[in-house]
Amino acid sequence: SSLQAHAGLGMVYLQEGDYASAISLLER
């Protein structure tokens, strides 16, 4: 339930162009 880890990993995916995974993690 780490907010920082979900948001951070979402931002990594965003930088890598994996928008679906990024949005999923950022929604979480």
mmCIF file of all heavy atoms, coordinates in Angstrom:
data_MODEL
# 
_entry.id   MODEL 
# 
loop_
_atom_site.group_PDB 
_atom_site.id 
_atom_site.type_symbol 
_atom_site.label_atom_id 
_atom_site.label_alt_id 
_atom_site.label_comp_id 
_atom_site.label_asym_id 
_atom_site.label_entity_id 
_atom_site.label_seq_id 
_atom_site.pdbx_PDB_ins_code 
_atom_site.Cartn_x 
_atom_site.Cartn_y 
_atom_site.Cartn_z 
_atom_site.occupancy 
_atom_site.B_iso_or_equiv 
_atom_site.pdbx_formal_charge 
_atom_site.auth_seq_id 
_atom_site.auth_comp_id 
_atom_site.auth_asym_id 
_atom_site.auth_atom_id 
_atom_site.pdbx_PDB_model_num 
ATOM 1   N N   . SER A 1 1  ? 0.814  -1.216 0.000   1.00 0.00 ? 1  SER A N   1 
ATOM 2   C CA  . SER A 1 1  ? 0.000  0.000  0.000   1.00 0.00 ? 1  SER A CA  1 
ATOM 3   C C   . SER A 1 1  ? 0.847  1.265  0.000   1.00 0.00 ? 1  SER A C   1 
ATOM 4   O O   . SER A 1 1  ? 0.388  2.320  0.421   1.00 0.00 ? 1  SER A O   1 
ATOM 5   C CB  . SER A 1 1  ? -0.939 0.006  1.214   1.00 0.00 ? 1  SER A CB  1 
ATOM 6   O OG  . SER A 1 1  ? -1.861 -1.044 1.106   1.00 0.00 ? 1  SER A OG  1 
ATOM 7   N N   . SER A 1 2  ? 2.062  1.163  -0.484  1.00 0.00 ? 2  SER A N   1 
ATOM 8   C CA  . SER A 1 2  ? 2.943  2.337  -0.507  1.00 0.00 ? 2  SER A CA  1 
ATOM 9   C C   . SER A 1 2  ? 2.534  3.302  -1.614  1.00 0.00 ? 2  SER A C   1 
ATOM 10  O O   . SER A 1 2  ? 2.688  3.015  -2.803  1.00 0.00 ? 2  SER A O   1 
ATOM 11  C CB  . SER A 1 2  ? 4.400  1.898  -0.721  1.00 0.00 ? 2  SER A CB  1 
ATOM 12  O OG  . SER A 1 2  ? 5.212  3.026  -0.947  1.00 0.00 ? 2  SER A OG  1 
ATOM 13  N N   . LEU A 1 3  ? 2.010  4.435  -1.212  1.00 0.00 ? 3  LEU A N   1 
ATOM 14  C CA  . LEU A 1 3  ? 1.633  5.484  -2.157  1.00 0.00 ? 3  LEU A CA  1 
ATOM 15  C C   . LEU A 1 3  ? 2.836  5.890  -3.003  1.00 0.00 ? 3  LEU A C   1 
ATOM 16  O O   . LEU A 1 3  ? 2.751  5.997  -4.232  1.00 0.00 ? 3  LEU A O   1 
ATOM 17  C CB  . LEU A 1 3  ? 1.098  6.696  -1.388  1.00 0.00 ? 3  LEU A CB  1 
ATOM 18  C CG  . LEU A 1 3  ? 0.972  8.013  -2.147  1.00 0.00 ? 3  LEU A CG  1 
ATOM 19  C CD1 . LEU A 1 3  ? -0.057 7.890  -3.252  1.00 0.00 ? 3  LEU A CD1 1 
ATOM 20  C CD2 . LEU A 1 3  ? 0.630  9.136  -1.202  1.00 0.00 ? 3  LEU A CD2 1 
ATOM 21  N N   . GLN A 1 4  ? 3.985  6.100  -2.351  1.00 0.00 ? 4  GLN A N   1 
ATOM 22  C CA  . GLN A 1 4  ? 5.179  6.562  -3.048  1.00 0.00 ? 4  GLN A CA  1 
ATOM 23  C C   . GLN A 1 4  ? 5.652  5.544  -4.089  1.00 0.00 ? 4  GLN A C   1 
ATOM 24  O O   . GLN A 1 4  ? 6.064  5.924  -5.189  1.00 0.00 ? 4  GLN A O   1 
ATOM 25  C CB  . GLN A 1 4  ? 6.309  6.844  -2.050  1.00 0.00 ? 4  GLN A CB  1 
ATOM 26  C CG  . GLN A 1 4  ? 6.009  7.964  -1.091  1.00 0.00 ? 4  GLN A CG  1 
ATOM 27  C CD  . GLN A 1 4  ? 5.242  7.506  0.149   1.00 0.00 ? 4  GLN A CD  1 
ATOM 28  O OE1 . GLN A 1 4  ? 4.785  6.366  0.251   1.00 0.00 ? 4  GLN A OE1 1 
ATOM 29  N NE2 . GLN A 1 4  ? 5.079  8.403  1.093   1.00 0.00 ? 4  GLN A NE2 1 
ATOM 30  N N   . ALA A 1 5  ? 5.593  4.268  -3.751  1.00 0.00 ? 5  ALA A N   1 
ATOM 31  C CA  . ALA A 1 5  ? 6.047  3.237  -4.682  1.00 0.00 ? 5  ALA A CA  1 
ATOM 32  C C   . ALA A 1 5  ? 5.099  3.101  -5.874  1.00 0.00 ? 5  ALA A C   1 
ATOM 33  O O   . ALA A 1 5  ? 5.548  2.959  -7.015  1.00 0.00 ? 5  ALA A O   1 
ATOM 34  C CB  . ALA A 1 5  ? 6.218  1.903  -3.962  1.00 0.00 ? 5  ALA A CB  1 
ATOM 35  N N   . HIS A 1 6  ? 3.792  3.158  -5.631  1.00 0.00 ? 6  HIS A N   1 
ATOM 36  C CA  . HIS A 1 6  ? 2.835  3.095  -6.746  1.00 0.00 ? 6  HIS A CA  1 
ATOM 37  C C   . HIS A 1 6  ? 3.014  4.291  -7.679  1.00 0.00 ? 6  HIS A C   1 
ATOM 38  O O   . HIS A 1 6  ? 3.097  4.132  -8.902  1.00 0.00 ? 6  HIS A O   1 
ATOM 39  C CB  . HIS A 1 6  ? 1.391  3.050  -6.229  1.00 0.00 ? 6  HIS A CB  1 
ATOM 40  C CG  . HIS A 1 6  ? 0.951  1.705  -5.794  1.00 0.00 ? 6  HIS A CG  1 
ATOM 41  N ND1 . HIS A 1 6  ? 1.088  1.261  -4.504  1.00 0.00 ? 6  HIS A ND1 1 
ATOM 42  C CD2 . HIS A 1 6  ? 0.396  0.688  -6.489  1.00 0.00 ? 6  HIS A CD2 1 
ATOM 43  C CE1 . HIS A 1 6  ? 0.617  0.030  -4.420  1.00 0.00 ? 6  HIS A CE1 1 
ATOM 44  N NE2 . HIS A 1 6  ? 0.195  -0.353 -5.608  1.00 0.00 ? 6  HIS A NE2 1 
ATOM 45  N N   . ALA A 1 7  ? 3.062  5.490  -7.099  1.00 0.00 ? 7  ALA A N   1 
ATOM 46  C CA  . ALA A 1 7  ? 3.199  6.694  -7.914  1.00 0.00 ? 7  ALA A CA  1 
ATOM 47  C C   . ALA A 1 7  ? 4.538  6.701  -8.648  1.00 0.00 ? 7  ALA A C   1 
ATOM 48  O O   . ALA A 1 7  ? 4.603  7.025  -9.838  1.00 0.00 ? 7  ALA A O   1 
ATOM 49  C CB  . ALA A 1 7  ? 3.055  7.942  -7.046  1.00 0.00 ? 7  ALA A CB  1 
ATOM 50  N N   . GLY A 1 8  ? 5.590  6.333  -7.946  1.00 0.00 ? 8  GLY A N   1 
ATOM 51  C CA  . GLY A 1 8  ? 6.912  6.330  -8.563  1.00 0.00 ? 8  GLY A CA  1 
ATOM 52  C C   . GLY A 1 8  ? 7.019  5.341  -9.712  1.00 0.00 ? 8  GLY A C   1 
ATOM 53  O O   . GLY A 1 8  ? 7.531  5.672  -10.790 1.00 0.00 ? 8  GLY A O   1 
ATOM 54  N N   . LEU A 1 9  ? 6.539  4.118  -9.492  1.00 0.00 ? 9  LEU A N   1 
ATOM 55  C CA  . LEU A 1 9  ? 6.582  3.120  -10.556 1.00 0.00 ? 9  LEU A CA  1 
ATOM 56  C C   . LEU A 1 9  ? 5.696  3.552  -11.725 1.00 0.00 ? 9  LEU A C   1 
ATOM 57  O O   . LEU A 1 9  ? 6.050  3.366  -12.891 1.00 0.00 ? 9  LEU A O   1 
ATOM 58  C CB  . LEU A 1 9  ? 6.170  1.744  -10.027 1.00 0.00 ? 9  LEU A CB  1 
ATOM 59  C CG  . LEU A 1 9  ? 6.328  0.575  -10.996 1.00 0.00 ? 9  LEU A CG  1 
ATOM 60  C CD1 . LEU A 1 9  ? 7.755  0.463  -11.530 1.00 0.00 ? 9  LEU A CD1 1 
ATOM 61  C CD2 . LEU A 1 9  ? 5.904  -0.732 -10.304 1.00 0.00 ? 9  LEU A CD2 1 
ATOM 62  N N   . GLY A 1 10 ? 4.578  4.188  -11.411 1.00 0.00 ? 10 GLY A N   1 
ATOM 63  C CA  . GLY A 1 10 ? 3.721  4.726  -12.467 1.00 0.00 ? 10 GLY A CA  1 
ATOM 64  C C   . GLY A 1 10 ? 4.459  5.757  -13.311 1.00 0.00 ? 10 GLY A C   1 
ATOM 65  O O   . GLY A 1 10 ? 4.358  5.757  -14.544 1.00 0.00 ? 10 GLY A O   1 
ATOM 66  N N   . MET A 1 11 ? 5.234  6.606  -12.663 1.00 0.00 ? 11 MET A N   1 
ATOM 67  C CA  . MET A 1 11 ? 5.999  7.613  -13.402 1.00 0.00 ? 11 MET A CA  1 
ATOM 68  C C   . MET A 1 11 ? 7.115  6.977  -14.237 1.00 0.00 ? 11 MET A C   1 
ATOM 69  O O   . MET A 1 11 ? 7.422  7.457  -15.326 1.00 0.00 ? 11 MET A O   1 
ATOM 70  C CB  . MET A 1 11 ? 6.559  8.665  -12.443 1.00 0.00 ? 11 MET A CB  1 
ATOM 71  C CG  . MET A 1 11 ? 5.475  9.517  -11.766 1.00 0.00 ? 11 MET A CG  1 
ATOM 72  S SD  . MET A 1 11 ? 4.336  10.329 -12.915 1.00 0.00 ? 11 MET A SD  1 
ATOM 73  C CE  . MET A 1 11 ? 5.428  11.551 -13.640 1.00 0.00 ? 11 MET A CE  1 
ATOM 74  N N   . VAL A 1 12 ? 7.702  5.892  -13.737 1.00 0.00 ? 12 VAL A N   1 
ATOM 75  C CA  . VAL A 1 12 ? 8.701  5.163  -14.525 1.00 0.00 ? 12 VAL A CA  1 
ATOM 76  C C   . VAL A 1 12 ? 8.041  4.638  -15.797 1.00 0.00 ? 12 VAL A C   1 
ATOM 77  O O   . VAL A 1 12 ? 8.561  4.819  -16.908 1.00 0.00 ? 12 VAL A O   1 
ATOM 78  C CB  . VAL A 1 12 ? 9.341  4.009  -13.723 1.00 0.00 ? 12 VAL A CB  1 
ATOM 79  C CG1 . VAL A 1 12 ? 10.131 3.072  -14.633 1.00 0.00 ? 12 VAL A CG1 1 
ATOM 80  C CG2 . VAL A 1 12 ? 10.227 4.538  -12.604 1.00 0.00 ? 12 VAL A CG2 1 
ATOM 81  N N   . TYR A 1 13 ? 6.885  3.976  -15.648 1.00 0.00 ? 13 TYR A N   1 
ATOM 82  C CA  . TYR A 1 13 ? 6.190  3.444  -16.820 1.00 0.00 ? 13 TYR A CA  1 
ATOM 83  C C   . TYR A 1 13 ? 5.813  4.560  -17.792 1.00 0.00 ? 13 TYR A C   1 
ATOM 84  O O   . TYR A 1 13 ? 5.863  4.384  -19.003 1.00 0.00 ? 13 TYR A O   1 
ATOM 85  C CB  . TYR A 1 13 ? 4.948  2.655  -16.412 1.00 0.00 ? 13 TYR A CB  1 
ATOM 86  C CG  . TYR A 1 13 ? 5.244  1.298  -15.842 1.00 0.00 ? 13 TYR A CG  1 
ATOM 87  C CD1 . TYR A 1 13 ? 4.516  0.798  -14.768 1.00 0.00 ? 13 TYR A CD1 1 
ATOM 88  C CD2 . TYR A 1 13 ? 6.244  0.482  -16.365 1.00 0.00 ? 13 TYR A CD2 1 
ATOM 89  C CE1 . TYR A 1 13 ? 4.773  -0.463 -14.239 1.00 0.00 ? 13 TYR A CE1 1 
ATOM 90  C CE2 . TYR A 1 13 ? 6.512  -0.766 -15.848 1.00 0.00 ? 13 TYR A CE2 1 
ATOM 91  C CZ  . TYR A 1 13 ? 5.775  -1.240 -14.782 1.00 0.00 ? 13 TYR A CZ  1 
ATOM 92  O OH  . TYR A 1 13 ? 6.039  -2.478 -14.271 1.00 0.00 ? 13 TYR A OH  1 
ATOM 93  N N   . LEU A 1 14 ? 5.445  5.695  -17.243 1.00 0.00 ? 14 LEU A N   1 
ATOM 94  C CA  . LEU A 1 14 ? 5.104  6.833  -18.095 1.00 0.00 ? 14 LEU A CA  1 
ATOM 95  C C   . LEU A 1 14 ? 6.315  7.264  -18.917 1.00 0.00 ? 14 LEU A C   1 
ATOM 96  O O   . LEU A 1 14 ? 6.198  7.500  -20.130 1.00 0.00 ? 14 LEU A O   1 
ATOM 97  C CB  . LEU A 1 14 ? 4.618  7.988  -17.214 1.00 0.00 ? 14 LEU A CB  1 
ATOM 98  C CG  . LEU A 1 14 ? 3.872  9.104  -17.884 1.00 0.00 ? 14 LEU A CG  1 
ATOM 99  C CD1 . LEU A 1 14 ? 2.626  8.585  -18.586 1.00 0.00 ? 14 LEU A CD1 1 
ATOM 100 C CD2 . LEU A 1 14 ? 3.491  10.154 -16.854 1.00 0.00 ? 14 LEU A CD2 1 
ATOM 101 N N   . GLN A 1 15 ? 7.481  7.328  -18.303 1.00 0.00 ? 15 GLN A N   1 
ATOM 102 C CA  . GLN A 1 15 ? 8.707  7.687  -19.020 1.00 0.00 ? 15 GLN A CA  1 
ATOM 103 C C   . GLN A 1 15 ? 9.054  6.660  -20.086 1.00 0.00 ? 15 GLN A C   1 
ATOM 104 O O   . GLN A 1 15 ? 9.631  6.997  -21.113 1.00 0.00 ? 15 GLN A O   1 
ATOM 105 C CB  . GLN A 1 15 ? 9.878  7.837  -18.042 1.00 0.00 ? 15 GLN A CB  1 
ATOM 106 C CG  . GLN A 1 15 ? 9.806  9.058  -17.178 1.00 0.00 ? 15 GLN A CG  1 
ATOM 107 C CD  . GLN A 1 15 ? 9.833  10.338 -17.989 1.00 0.00 ? 15 GLN A CD  1 
ATOM 108 O OE1 . GLN A 1 15 ? 10.589 10.489 -18.944 1.00 0.00 ? 15 GLN A OE1 1 
ATOM 109 N NE2 . GLN A 1 15 ? 8.970  11.266 -17.627 1.00 0.00 ? 15 GLN A NE2 1 
ATOM 110 N N   . GLU A 1 16 ? 8.699  5.407  -19.828 1.00 0.00 ? 16 GLU A N   1 
ATOM 111 C CA  . GLU A 1 16 ? 8.998  4.334  -20.778 1.00 0.00 ? 16 GLU A CA  1 
ATOM 112 C C   . GLU A 1 16 ? 7.932  4.198  -21.857 1.00 0.00 ? 16 GLU A C   1 
ATOM 113 O O   . GLU A 1 16 ? 8.060  3.363  -22.749 1.00 0.00 ? 16 GLU A O   1 
ATOM 114 C CB  . GLU A 1 16 ? 9.172  3.016  -20.013 1.00 0.00 ? 16 GLU A CB  1 
ATOM 115 C CG  . GLU A 1 16 ? 10.403 3.020  -19.109 1.00 0.00 ? 16 GLU A CG  1 
ATOM 116 C CD  . GLU A 1 16 ? 10.542 1.770  -18.263 1.00 0.00 ? 16 GLU A CD  1 
ATOM 117 O OE1 . GLU A 1 16 ? 9.528  1.056  -18.057 1.00 0.00 ? 16 GLU A OE1 1 
ATOM 118 O OE2 . GLU A 1 16 ? 11.666 1.508  -17.809 1.00 0.00 ? 16 GLU A OE2 1 
ATOM 119 N N   . GLY A 1 17 ? 6.855  4.980  -21.759 1.00 0.00 ? 17 GLY A N   1 
ATOM 120 C CA  . GLY A 1 17 ? 5.811  4.945  -22.775 1.00 0.00 ? 17 GLY A CA  1 
ATOM 121 C C   . GLY A 1 17 ? 4.748  3.883  -22.573 1.00 0.00 ? 17 GLY A C   1 
ATOM 122 O O   . GLY A 1 17 ? 3.921  3.659  -23.447 1.00 0.00 ? 17 GLY A O   1 
ATOM 123 N N   . ASP A 1 18 ? 4.754  3.209  -21.419 1.00 0.00 ? 18 ASP A N   1 
ATOM 124 C CA  . ASP A 1 18 ? 3.739  2.197  -21.118 1.00 0.00 ? 18 ASP A CA  1 
ATOM 125 C C   . ASP A 1 18 ? 2.594  2.893  -20.379 1.00 0.00 ? 18 ASP A C   1 
ATOM 126 O O   . ASP A 1 18 ? 2.482  2.840  -19.158 1.00 0.00 ? 18 ASP A O   1 
ATOM 127 C CB  . ASP A 1 18 ? 4.350  1.078  -20.260 1.00 0.00 ? 18 ASP A CB  1 
ATOM 128 C CG  . ASP A 1 18 ? 3.375  -0.050 -19.968 1.00 0.00 ? 18 ASP A CG  1 
ATOM 129 O OD1 . ASP A 1 18 ? 2.168  0.083  -20.277 1.00 0.00 ? 18 ASP A OD1 1 
ATOM 130 O OD2 . ASP A 1 18 ? 3.820  -1.075 -19.404 1.00 0.00 ? 18 ASP A OD2 1 
ATOM 131 N N   . TYR A 1 19 ? 1.760  3.591  -21.154 1.00 0.00 ? 19 TYR A N   1 
ATOM 132 C CA  . TYR A 1 19 ? 0.716  4.437  -20.574 1.00 0.00 ? 19 TYR A CA  1 
ATOM 133 C C   . TYR A 1 19 ? -0.334 3.666  -19.796 1.00 0.00 ? 19 TYR A C   1 
ATOM 134 O O   . TYR A 1 19 ? -0.787 4.121  -18.741 1.00 0.00 ? 19 TYR A O   1 
ATOM 135 C CB  . TYR A 1 19 ? 0.062  5.282  -21.666 1.00 0.00 ? 19 TYR A CB  1 
ATOM 136 C CG  . TYR A 1 19 ? 1.039  6.165  -22.393 1.00 0.00 ? 19 TYR A CG  1 
ATOM 137 C CD1 . TYR A 1 19 ? 1.037  6.237  -23.783 1.00 0.00 ? 19 TYR A CD1 1 
ATOM 138 C CD2 . TYR A 1 19 ? 1.982  6.918  -21.704 1.00 0.00 ? 19 TYR A CD2 1 
ATOM 139 C CE1 . TYR A 1 19 ? 1.941  7.047  -24.464 1.00 0.00 ? 19 TYR A CE1 1 
ATOM 140 C CE2 . TYR A 1 19 ? 2.891  7.723  -22.367 1.00 0.00 ? 19 TYR A CE2 1 
ATOM 141 C CZ  . TYR A 1 19 ? 2.866  7.783  -23.751 1.00 0.00 ? 19 TYR A CZ  1 
ATOM 142 O OH  . TYR A 1 19 ? 3.769  8.576  -24.403 1.00 0.00 ? 19 TYR A OH  1 
ATOM 143 N N   . ALA A 1 20 ? -0.725 2.503  -20.279 1.00 0.00 ? 20 ALA A N   1 
ATOM 144 C CA  . ALA A 1 20 ? -1.755 1.719  -19.582 1.00 0.00 ? 20 ALA A CA  1 
ATOM 145 C C   . ALA A 1 20 ? -1.274 1.327  -18.187 1.00 0.00 ? 20 ALA A C   1 
ATOM 146 O O   . ALA A 1 20 ? -2.007 1.475  -17.202 1.00 0.00 ? 20 ALA A O   1 
ATOM 147 C CB  . ALA A 1 20 ? -2.129 0.481  -20.393 1.00 0.00 ? 20 ALA A CB  1 
ATOM 148 N N   . SER A 1 21 ? -0.046 0.826  -18.087 1.00 0.00 ? 21 SER A N   1 
ATOM 149 C CA  . SER A 1 21 ? 0.494  0.443  -16.779 1.00 0.00 ? 21 SER A CA  1 
ATOM 150 C C   . SER A 1 21 ? 0.675  1.665  -15.893 1.00 0.00 ? 21 SER A C   1 
ATOM 151 O O   . SER A 1 21 ? 0.408  1.618  -14.693 1.00 0.00 ? 21 SER A O   1 
ATOM 152 C CB  . SER A 1 21 ? 1.833  -0.284 -16.932 1.00 0.00 ? 21 SER A CB  1 
ATOM 153 O OG  . SER A 1 21 ? 1.651  -1.502 -17.605 1.00 0.00 ? 21 SER A OG  1 
ATOM 154 N N   . ALA A 1 22 ? 1.126  2.771  -16.490 1.00 0.00 ? 22 ALA A N   1 
ATOM 155 C CA  . ALA A 1 22 ? 1.318  4.003  -15.726 1.00 0.00 ? 22 ALA A CA  1 
ATOM 156 C C   . ALA A 1 22 ? -0.011 4.468  -15.137 1.00 0.00 ? 22 ALA A C   1 
ATOM 157 O O   . ALA A 1 22 ? -0.094 4.772  -13.938 1.00 0.00 ? 22 ALA A O   1 
ATOM 158 C CB  . ALA A 1 22 ? 1.909  5.089  -16.614 1.00 0.00 ? 22 ALA A CB  1 
ATOM 159 N N   . ILE A 1 23 ? -1.042 4.510  -15.952 1.00 0.00 ? 23 ILE A N   1 
ATOM 160 C CA  . ILE A 1 23 ? -2.355 4.976  -15.481 1.00 0.00 ? 23 ILE A CA  1 
ATOM 161 C C   . ILE A 1 23 ? -2.881 4.050  -14.388 1.00 0.00 ? 23 ILE A C   1 
ATOM 162 O O   . ILE A 1 23 ? -3.393 4.516  -13.366 1.00 0.00 ? 23 ILE A O   1 
ATOM 163 C CB  . ILE A 1 23 ? -3.341 5.126  -16.657 1.00 0.00 ? 23 ILE A CB  1 
ATOM 164 C CG1 . ILE A 1 23 ? -2.923 6.328  -17.507 1.00 0.00 ? 23 ILE A CG1 1 
ATOM 165 C CG2 . ILE A 1 23 ? -4.778 5.262  -16.161 1.00 0.00 ? 23 ILE A CG2 1 
ATOM 166 C CD1 . ILE A 1 23 ? -3.663 6.454  -18.823 1.00 0.00 ? 23 ILE A CD1 1 
ATOM 167 N N   . SER A 1 24 ? -2.740 2.767  -14.571 1.00 0.00 ? 24 SER A N   1 
ATOM 168 C CA  . SER A 1 24 ? -3.204 1.813  -13.562 1.00 0.00 ? 24 SER A CA  1 
ATOM 169 C C   . SER A 1 24 ? -2.528 2.058  -12.211 1.00 0.00 ? 24 SER A C   1 
ATOM 170 O O   . SER A 1 24 ? -3.183 2.103  -11.171 1.00 0.00 ? 24 SER A O   1 
ATOM 171 C CB  . SER A 1 24 ? -2.937 0.382  -14.040 1.00 0.00 ? 24 SER A CB  1 
ATOM 172 O OG  . SER A 1 24 ? -3.286 -0.541 -13.052 1.00 0.00 ? 24 SER A OG  1 
ATOM 173 N N   . LEU A 1 25 ? -1.215 2.224  -12.234 1.00 0.00 ? 25 LEU A N   1 
ATOM 174 C CA  . LEU A 1 25 ? -0.481 2.464  -10.982 1.00 0.00 ? 25 LEU A CA  1 
ATOM 175 C C   . LEU A 1 25 ? -0.817 3.826  -10.380 1.00 0.00 ? 25 LEU A C   1 
ATOM 176 O O   . LEU A 1 25 ? -0.930 3.972  -9.159  1.00 0.00 ? 25 LEU A O   1 
ATOM 177 C CB  . LEU A 1 25 ? 1.020  2.332  -11.206 1.00 0.00 ? 25 LEU A CB  1 
ATOM 178 C CG  . LEU A 1 25 ? 1.500  0.891  -11.284 1.00 0.00 ? 25 LEU A CG  1 
ATOM 179 C CD1 . LEU A 1 25 ? 2.849  0.800  -11.975 1.00 0.00 ? 25 LEU A CD1 1 
ATOM 180 C CD2 . LEU A 1 25 ? 1.562  0.280  -9.896  1.00 0.00 ? 25 LEU A CD2 1 
ATOM 181 N N   . LEU A 1 26 ? -0.964 4.830  -11.226 1.00 0.00 ? 26 LEU A N   1 
ATOM 182 C CA  . LEU A 1 26 ? -1.287 6.163  -10.725 1.00 0.00 ? 26 LEU A CA  1 
ATOM 183 C C   . LEU A 1 26 ? -2.712 6.220  -10.174 1.00 0.00 ? 26 LEU A C   1 
ATOM 184 O O   . LEU A 1 26 ? -2.983 6.946  -9.212  1.00 0.00 ? 26 LEU A O   1 
ATOM 185 C CB  . LEU A 1 26 ? -1.043 7.215  -11.802 1.00 0.00 ? 26 LEU A CB  1 
ATOM 186 C CG  . LEU A 1 26 ? 0.438  7.390  -12.173 1.00 0.00 ? 26 LEU A CG  1 
ATOM 187 C CD1 . LEU A 1 26 ? 0.585  8.240  -13.427 1.00 0.00 ? 26 LEU A CD1 1 
ATOM 188 C CD2 . LEU A 1 26 ? 1.226  7.978  -11.011 1.00 0.00 ? 26 LEU A CD2 1 
ATOM 189 N N   . GLU A 1 27 ? -3.615 5.441  -10.765 1.00 0.00 ? 27 GLU A N   1 
ATOM 190 C CA  . GLU A 1 27 ? -4.973 5.338  -10.195 1.00 0.00 ? 27 GLU A CA  1 
ATOM 191 C C   . GLU A 1 27 ? -4.909 4.676  -8.827  1.00 0.00 ? 27 GLU A C   1 
ATOM 192 O O   . GLU A 1 27 ? -5.600 5.093  -7.892  1.00 0.00 ? 27 GLU A O   1 
ATOM 193 C CB  . GLU A 1 27 ? -5.887 4.541  -11.133 1.00 0.00 ? 27 GLU A CB  1 
ATOM 194 C CG  . GLU A 1 27 ? -6.301 5.305  -12.355 1.00 0.00 ? 27 GLU A CG  1 
ATOM 195 C CD  . GLU A 1 27 ? -7.056 4.448  -13.361 1.00 0.00 ? 27 GLU A CD  1 
ATOM 196 O OE1 . GLU A 1 27 ? -6.894 3.204  -13.383 1.00 0.00 ? 27 GLU A OE1 1 
ATOM 197 O OE2 . GLU A 1 27 ? -7.805 5.047  -14.152 1.00 0.00 ? 27 GLU A OE2 1 
ATOM 198 N N   . ARG A 1 28 ? -4.095 3.643  -8.705  1.00 0.00 ? 28 ARG A N   1 
ATOM 199 C CA  . ARG A 1 28 ? -3.930 2.967  -7.406  1.00 0.00 ? 28 ARG A CA  1 
ATOM 200 C C   . ARG A 1 28 ? -3.343 3.942  -6.396  1.00 0.00 ? 28 ARG A C   1 
ATOM 201 O O   . ARG A 1 28 ? -3.805 4.008  -5.257  1.00 0.00 ? 28 ARG A O   1 
ATOM 202 C CB  . ARG A 1 28 ? -3.037 1.734  -7.561  1.00 0.00 ? 28 ARG A CB  1 
ATOM 203 C CG  . ARG A 1 28 ? -2.732 1.035  -6.272  1.00 0.00 ? 28 ARG A CG  1 
ATOM 204 C CD  . ARG A 1 28 ? -3.960 0.365  -5.671  1.00 0.00 ? 28 ARG A CD  1 
ATOM 205 N NE  . ARG A 1 28 ? -3.556 -0.346 -4.469  1.00 0.00 ? 28 ARG A NE  1 
ATOM 206 C CZ  . ARG A 1 28 ? -4.157 -0.241 -3.296  1.00 0.00 ? 28 ARG A CZ  1 
ATOM 207 N NH1 . ARG A 1 28 ? -5.241 0.495  -3.161  1.00 0.00 ? 28 ARG A NH1 1 
ATOM 208 N NH2 . ARG A 1 28 ? -3.714 -0.898 -2.261  1.00 0.00 ? 28 ARG A NH2 1 
# 
